[in-house]
Amino acid sequence: MTDHPEVPDDREVIEPYARPGEPAMAHLAPLMLALVEAGNRVTYVNENFGFRPAPHGWSAWLEEPIDFELVTRRFVLPPSIELDPAGDVILDHANQAEVFGGDAARRLHDSR
């Protein structure tokens, strides 16, 4: 169970921010790990769970499309995290971070 009474199941709660002293994207590590454990691959492996600084914040890239069903089945996300299955991206508005799935990455690459 979670500490959140509105969550009646055993999904993991993702907090809106990392704890003090942790890397900026540490709160998203469980989400990234779950996607990798399910068979996806991080494009740029590093100590920040695949996140790299970008002009607008932080970006992480995955090789395969994001499994949004897995994300919603395993996690409770704060309102600041938006799931965009059509765009194959997860947007963390509070931290200016984006997780791009493989379909999003291919669209961005093809548009250049």
C-alpha atoms as a PDB file:
ATOM      1  CA  MET A   1       0.000   0.000   0.000  1.00  0.00           C
ATOM      2  CA  THR A   2       0.999   3.598  -0.444  1.00  0.00           C
ATOM      3  CA  ASP A   3       0.858   6.554   1.918  1.00  0.00           C
ATOM      4  CA  HIS A   4      -1.698   8.103  -0.418  1.00  0.00           C
ATOM      5  CA  PRO A   5      -5.211   7.094   0.679  1.00  0.00           C
ATOM      6  CA  GLU A   6      -6.634   7.825  -2.773  1.00  0.00           C
ATOM      7  CA  VAL A   7      -4.489   4.997  -4.224  1.00  0.00           C
ATOM      8  CA  PRO A   8      -6.313   1.751  -3.399  1.00  0.00           C
ATOM      9  CA  ASP A   9      -3.737  -0.547  -4.983  1.00  0.00           C
ATOM     10  CA  ASP A  10      -0.068  -1.379  -4.802  1.00  0.00           C
ATOM     11  CA  ARG A  11       1.209   0.916  -7.537  1.00  0.00           C
ATOM     12  CA  GLU A  12       4.395   2.841  -6.734  1.00  0.00           C
ATOM     13  CA  VAL A  13       3.947   6.565  -6.219  1.00  0.00           C
ATOM     14  CA  ILE A  14       6.309   8.778  -8.204  1.00  0.00           C
ATOM     15  CA  GLU A  15       6.913  12.015  -6.340  1.00  0.00           C
ATOM     16  CA  PRO A  16       7.016  15.305  -8.266  1.00  0.00           C
ATOM     17  CA  TYR A  17      10.666  16.031  -7.352  1.00  0.00           C
ATOM     18  CA  ALA A  18      13.849  14.221  -6.363  1.00  0.00           C
ATOM     19  CA  ARG A  19      14.820  14.355  -2.704  1.00  0.00           C
ATOM     20  CA  PRO A  20      17.486  16.892  -1.663  1.00  0.00           C
ATOM     21  CA  GLY A  21      20.958  15.648  -2.514  1.00  0.00           C
ATOM     22  CA  GLU A  22      19.756  13.267  -5.236  1.00  0.00           C
ATOM     23  CA  PRO A  23      20.288  13.792  -8.963  1.00  0.00           C
ATOM     24  CA  ALA A  24      17.595  15.982 -10.516  1.00  0.00           C
ATOM     25  CA  MET A  25      15.806  13.074 -12.177  1.00  0.00           C
ATOM     26  CA  ALA A  26      16.202  10.490  -9.389  1.00  0.00           C
ATOM     27  CA  HIS A  27      12.450  10.453  -8.739  1.00  0.00           C
ATOM     28  CA  LEU A  28      11.970   9.108 -12.288  1.00  0.00           C
ATOM     29  CA  ALA A  29      14.471   6.264 -11.840  1.00  0.00           C
ATOM     30  CA  PRO A  30      11.802   3.658 -10.920  1.00  0.00           C
ATOM     31  CA  LEU A  31       9.867   4.525 -14.080  1.00  0.00           C
ATOM     32  CA  MET A  32      12.974   4.263 -16.277  1.00  0.00           C
ATOM     33  CA  LEU A  33      14.041   1.009 -14.592  1.00  0.00           C
ATOM     34  CA  ALA A  34      10.595  -0.522 -15.123  1.00  0.00           C
ATOM     35  CA  LEU A  35      10.694   0.327 -18.832  1.00  0.00           C
ATOM     36  CA  VAL A  36      14.178  -1.169 -19.189  1.00  0.00           C
ATOM     37  CA  GLU A  37      13.237  -4.288 -17.210  1.00  0.00           C
ATOM     38  CA  ALA A  38      10.312  -4.716 -19.625  1.00  0.00           C
ATOM     39  CA  GLY A  39      12.711  -4.807 -22.571  1.00  0.00           C
ATOM     40  CA  ASN A  40      13.281  -1.202 -23.621  1.00  0.00           C
ATOM     41  CA  ARG A  41      16.806   0.231 -23.849  1.00  0.00           C
ATOM     42  CA  VAL A  42      18.151   3.629 -22.846  1.00  0.00           C
ATOM     43  CA  THR A  43      19.896   5.285 -25.777  1.00  0.00           C
ATOM     44  CA  TYR A  44      22.425   7.259 -23.712  1.00  0.00           C
ATOM     45  CA  VAL A  45      23.377   5.228 -20.658  1.00  0.00           C
ATOM     46  CA  ASN A  46      24.744   7.383 -17.835  1.00  0.00           C
ATOM     47  CA  GLU A  47      24.607   7.942 -14.083  1.00  0.00           C
ATOM     48  CA  ASN A  48      21.454  10.109 -14.471  1.00  0.00           C
ATOM     49  CA  PHE A  49      19.182   7.234 -15.546  1.00  0.00           C
ATOM     50  CA  GLY A  50      19.648   8.146 -19.205  1.00  0.00           C
ATOM     51  CA  PHE A  51      18.778  11.831 -18.762  1.00  0.00           C
ATOM     52  CA  ARG A  52      21.046  14.367 -20.412  1.00  0.00           C
ATOM     53  CA  PRO A  53      20.993  18.141 -20.131  1.00  0.00           C
ATOM     54  CA  ALA A  54      19.142  19.790 -23.009  1.00  0.00           C
ATOM     55  CA  PRO A  55      18.573  23.481 -23.824  1.00  0.00           C
ATOM     56  CA  HIS A  56      15.114  23.338 -22.243  1.00  0.00           C
ATOM     57  CA  GLY A  57      15.835  20.996 -19.308  1.00  0.00           C
ATOM     58  CA  TRP A  58      16.537  17.235 -19.321  1.00  0.00           C
ATOM     59  CA  SER A  59      15.913  14.582 -21.983  1.00  0.00           C
ATOM     60  CA  ALA A  60      16.089  10.794 -21.921  1.00  0.00           C
ATOM     61  CA  TRP A  61      15.785   8.674 -25.038  1.00  0.00           C
ATOM     62  CA  LEU A  62      14.573   5.093 -25.308  1.00  0.00           C
ATOM     63  CA  GLU A  63      15.140   2.783 -28.261  1.00  0.00           C
ATOM     64  CA  GLU A  64      11.633   1.321 -28.316  1.00  0.00           C
ATOM     65  CA  PRO A  65       8.192   2.935 -27.898  1.00  0.00           C
ATOM     66  CA  ILE A  66       7.175   3.678 -24.315  1.00  0.00           C
ATOM     67  CA  ASP A  67       4.923   1.044 -22.794  1.00  0.00           C
ATOM     68  CA  PHE A  68       2.275   3.419 -21.419  1.00  0.00           C
ATOM     69  CA  GLU A  69       0.132   0.526 -20.189  1.00  0.00           C
ATOM     70  CA  LEU A  70       3.046  -0.611 -18.028  1.00  0.00           C
ATOM     71  CA  VAL A  71       3.537   2.922 -16.690  1.00  0.00           C
ATOM     72  CA  THR A  72      -0.109   3.358 -15.697  1.00  0.00           C
ATOM     73  CA  ARG A  73      -0.333  -0.165 -14.292  1.00  0.00           C
ATOM     74  CA  ARG A  74       2.800   0.181 -12.115  1.00  0.00           C
ATOM     75  CA  PHE A  75       2.872   3.849 -11.088  1.00  0.00           C
ATOM     76  CA  VAL A  76       0.846   6.701  -9.701  1.00  0.00           C
ATOM     77  CA  LEU A  77       2.171   9.897 -11.256  1.00  0.00           C
ATOM     78  CA  PRO A  78       1.871  13.442  -9.922  1.00  0.00           C
ATOM     79  CA  PRO A  79      -0.205  15.911 -11.963  1.00  0.00           C
ATOM     80  CA  SER A  80       3.036  17.541 -13.172  1.00  0.00           C
ATOM     81  CA  ILE A  81       3.894  14.412 -15.212  1.00  0.00           C
ATOM     82  CA  GLU A  82       1.971  14.124 -18.461  1.00  0.00           C
ATOM     83  CA  LEU A  83       1.736  10.938 -20.506  1.00  0.00           C
ATOM     84  CA  ASP A  84       1.473  11.526 -24.247  1.00  0.00           C
ATOM     85  CA  PRO A  85       1.000   8.140 -25.929  1.00  0.00           C
ATOM     86  CA  ALA A  86       0.267   9.731 -29.323  1.00  0.00           C
ATOM     87  CA  GLY A  87       3.593  11.570 -29.198  1.00  0.00           C
ATOM     88  CA  ASP A  88       5.417   8.650 -27.500  1.00  0.00           C
ATOM     89  CA  VAL A  89       6.715  10.982 -24.805  1.00  0.00           C
ATOM     90  CA  ILE A  90       6.476  11.472 -21.044  1.00  0.00           C
ATOM     91  CA  LEU A  91       6.651  15.114 -19.985  1.00  0.00           C
ATOM     92  CA  ASP A  92       7.711  16.108 -16.470  1.00  0.00           C
ATOM     93  CA  HIS A  93       6.615  19.742 -16.429  1.00  0.00           C
ATOM     94  CA  ALA A  94       7.829  20.442 -12.876  1.00  0.00           C
ATOM     95  CA  ASN A  95      11.400  19.473 -13.769  1.00  0.00           C
ATOM     96  CA  GLN A  96      11.493  20.400 -17.450  1.00  0.00           C
ATOM     97  CA  ALA A  97      12.207  16.802 -18.384  1.00  0.00           C
ATOM     98  CA  GLU A  98      11.126  14.585 -21.251  1.00  0.00           C
ATOM     99  CA  VAL A  99      11.371  10.858 -21.881  1.00  0.00           C
ATOM    100  CA  PHE A 100      11.183  10.141 -25.596  1.00  0.00           C
ATOM    101  CA  GLY A 101      10.194   6.698 -26.788  1.00  0.00           C
ATOM    102  CA  GLY A 102      11.619   5.190 -29.962  1.00  0.00           C
ATOM    103  CA  ASP A 103       8.729   6.393 -32.130  1.00  0.00           C
ATOM    104  CA  ALA A 104       9.236   9.997 -30.973  1.00  0.00           C
ATOM    105  CA  ALA A 105      12.966   9.738 -31.542  1.00  0.00           C
ATOM    106  CA  ARG A 106      12.457   8.432 -35.082  1.00  0.00           C
ATOM    107  CA  ARG A 107       9.964  11.227 -35.887  1.00  0.00           C
ATOM    108  CA  LEU A 108      12.370  13.874 -34.596  1.00  0.00           C
ATOM    109  CA  HIS A 109      15.258  12.347 -36.526  1.00  0.00           C
ATOM    110  CA  ASP A 110      13.225  12.080 -39.743  1.00  0.00           C
ATOM    111  CA  SER A 111      12.118  15.723 -39.487  1.00  0.00           C
ATOM    112  CA  ARG A 112      15.713  16.993 -39.589  1.00  0.00           C
END
